[in-house]
Amino acid sequence: MKIKLCGLTRPCDVAWANETRPDFAGFVFAGVKRRISPQLAGILRRQLHVSIAAVGVFADAAAAEIAALVRDGTIQ
């Protein structure tokens, strides 16, 4: 079984993820509730423990937008 925490939006969310060490941590780039900017996601990713894979939730996003987030290391 794998565990994912999704909807991280604040440094305290990342701190909790670092403490509990899920397999994945998710950033929401779709909808309105819990949506964050790529810039904020990058900041939060840098605070996230390297052993936790960061993933994204998207809806109708351009492939280039997703690829940019992978290229800069925001999501894996």
C-alpha atoms as a PDB file:
ATOM      1  CA  MET A   1       0.000   0.000   0.000  1.00  0.00           C
ATOM      2  CA  LYS A   2       1.153   3.529  -0.795  1.00  0.00           C
ATOM      3  CA  ILE A   3       0.054   6.683   1.050  1.00  0.00           C
ATOM      4  CA  LYS A   4      -0.452  10.117  -0.544  1.00  0.00           C
ATOM      5  CA  LEU A   5      -1.224  13.372   1.247  1.00  0.00           C
ATOM      6  CA  CYS A   6      -2.821  15.788  -1.172  1.00  0.00           C
ATOM      7  CA  GLY A   7      -3.650  19.463  -1.169  1.00  0.00           C
ATOM      8  CA  LEU A   8      -0.575  20.831   0.580  1.00  0.00           C
ATOM      9  CA  THR A   9      -0.804  24.625   0.622  1.00  0.00           C
ATOM     10  CA  ARG A  10       1.205  25.825   3.647  1.00  0.00           C
ATOM     11  CA  PRO A  11       4.610  25.236   5.229  1.00  0.00           C
ATOM     12  CA  CYS A  12       2.866  23.595   8.206  1.00  0.00           C
ATOM     13  CA  ASP A  13       1.310  21.047   5.796  1.00  0.00           C
ATOM     14  CA  VAL A  14       4.784  20.222   4.509  1.00  0.00           C
ATOM     15  CA  ALA A  15       6.134  19.953   8.057  1.00  0.00           C
ATOM     16  CA  TRP A  16       3.415  17.426   8.881  1.00  0.00           C
ATOM     17  CA  ALA A  17       4.209  15.475   5.708  1.00  0.00           C
ATOM     18  CA  ASN A  18       7.893  15.465   6.654  1.00  0.00           C
ATOM     19  CA  GLU A  19       6.980  14.115  10.072  1.00  0.00           C
ATOM     20  CA  THR A  20       4.621  11.389   8.834  1.00  0.00           C
ATOM     21  CA  ARG A  21       6.615  10.497   5.667  1.00  0.00           C
ATOM     22  CA  PRO A  22       3.913   9.467   3.175  1.00  0.00           C
ATOM     23  CA  ASP A  23       5.043   7.971  -0.125  1.00  0.00           C
ATOM     24  CA  PHE A  24       3.652  10.926  -2.084  1.00  0.00           C
ATOM     25  CA  ALA A  25       2.660  14.535  -1.407  1.00  0.00           C
ATOM     26  CA  GLY A  26       0.282  16.270  -3.800  1.00  0.00           C
ATOM     27  CA  PHE A  27      -0.073  19.813  -4.998  1.00  0.00           C
ATOM     28  CA  VAL A  28      -3.356  20.851  -6.606  1.00  0.00           C
ATOM     29  CA  PHE A  29      -3.114  22.811  -9.880  1.00  0.00           C
ATOM     30  CA  ALA A  30      -6.810  22.397 -10.799  1.00  0.00           C
ATOM     31  CA  GLY A  31     -10.121  23.817  -9.641  1.00  0.00           C
ATOM     32  CA  VAL A  32     -10.311  26.449  -6.956  1.00  0.00           C
ATOM     33  CA  LYS A  33     -10.261  24.717  -3.605  1.00  0.00           C
ATOM     34  CA  ARG A  34      -6.688  24.051  -2.431  1.00  0.00           C
ATOM     35  CA  ARG A  35      -5.256  25.220  -5.793  1.00  0.00           C
ATOM     36  CA  ILE A  36      -1.788  26.738  -5.556  1.00  0.00           C
ATOM     37  CA  SER A  37       0.493  28.504  -8.000  1.00  0.00           C
ATOM     38  CA  PRO A  38       3.501  26.758  -9.528  1.00  0.00           C
ATOM     39  CA  GLN A  39       5.709  29.244  -7.678  1.00  0.00           C
ATOM     40  CA  LEU A  40       4.267  28.359  -4.265  1.00  0.00           C
ATOM     41  CA  ALA A  41       4.440  24.661  -5.116  1.00  0.00           C
ATOM     42  CA  GLY A  42       8.151  25.080  -5.884  1.00  0.00           C
ATOM     43  CA  ILE A  43       8.763  26.759  -2.540  1.00  0.00           C
ATOM     44  CA  LEU A  44       6.871  24.043  -0.679  1.00  0.00           C
ATOM     45  CA  ARG A  45       8.627  21.285  -2.649  1.00  0.00           C
ATOM     46  CA  ARG A  46      12.021  22.599  -1.552  1.00  0.00           C
ATOM     47  CA  GLN A  47      10.829  22.235   2.072  1.00  0.00           C
ATOM     48  CA  LEU A  48       9.543  18.683   1.501  1.00  0.00           C
ATOM     49  CA  HIS A  49      11.848  15.816   2.499  1.00  0.00           C
ATOM     50  CA  VAL A  50      13.633  14.391  -0.543  1.00  0.00           C
ATOM     51  CA  SER A  51      12.317  10.882   0.174  1.00  0.00           C
ATOM     52  CA  ILE A  52       8.727  12.048  -0.466  1.00  0.00           C
ATOM     53  CA  ALA A  53       7.768  12.147  -4.143  1.00  0.00           C
ATOM     54  CA  ALA A  54       5.787  15.242  -5.092  1.00  0.00           C
ATOM     55  CA  VAL A  55       2.887  14.823  -7.511  1.00  0.00           C
ATOM     56  CA  GLY A  56       0.341  17.151  -9.076  1.00  0.00           C
ATOM     57  CA  VAL A  57      -3.400  17.161  -9.613  1.00  0.00           C
ATOM     58  CA  PHE A  58      -4.371  18.709 -12.966  1.00  0.00           C
ATOM     59  CA  ALA A  59      -7.493  19.266 -15.053  1.00  0.00           C
ATOM     60  CA  ASP A  60      -7.194  20.411 -18.653  1.00  0.00           C
ATOM     61  CA  ALA A  61      -3.591  21.574 -18.149  1.00  0.00           C
ATOM     62  CA  ALA A  62      -1.339  21.974 -21.147  1.00  0.00           C
ATOM     63  CA  ALA A  63       1.373  19.339 -21.457  1.00  0.00           C
ATOM     64  CA  ALA A  64       3.969  22.131 -21.494  1.00  0.00           C
ATOM     65  CA  GLU A  65       2.751  23.383 -18.097  1.00  0.00           C
ATOM     66  CA  ILE A  66       3.093  19.924 -16.552  1.00  0.00           C
ATOM     67  CA  ALA A  67       6.463  19.341 -18.223  1.00  0.00           C
ATOM     68  CA  ALA A  68       7.784  22.633 -16.809  1.00  0.00           C
ATOM     69  CA  LEU A  69       6.864  21.541 -13.279  1.00  0.00           C
ATOM     70  CA  VAL A  70       8.691  18.248 -13.802  1.00  0.00           C
ATOM     71  CA  ARG A  71      11.720  19.955 -15.354  1.00  0.00           C
ATOM     72  CA  ASP A  72      12.165  22.353 -12.453  1.00  0.00           C
ATOM     73  CA  GLY A  73      11.742  19.566  -9.871  1.00  0.00           C
ATOM     74  CA  THR A  74       8.449  20.753  -8.404  1.00  0.00           C
ATOM     75  CA  ILE A  75       6.820  17.393  -9.160  1.00  0.00           C
ATOM     76  CA  GLN A  76       8.212  14.050 -10.142  1.00  0.00           C
END
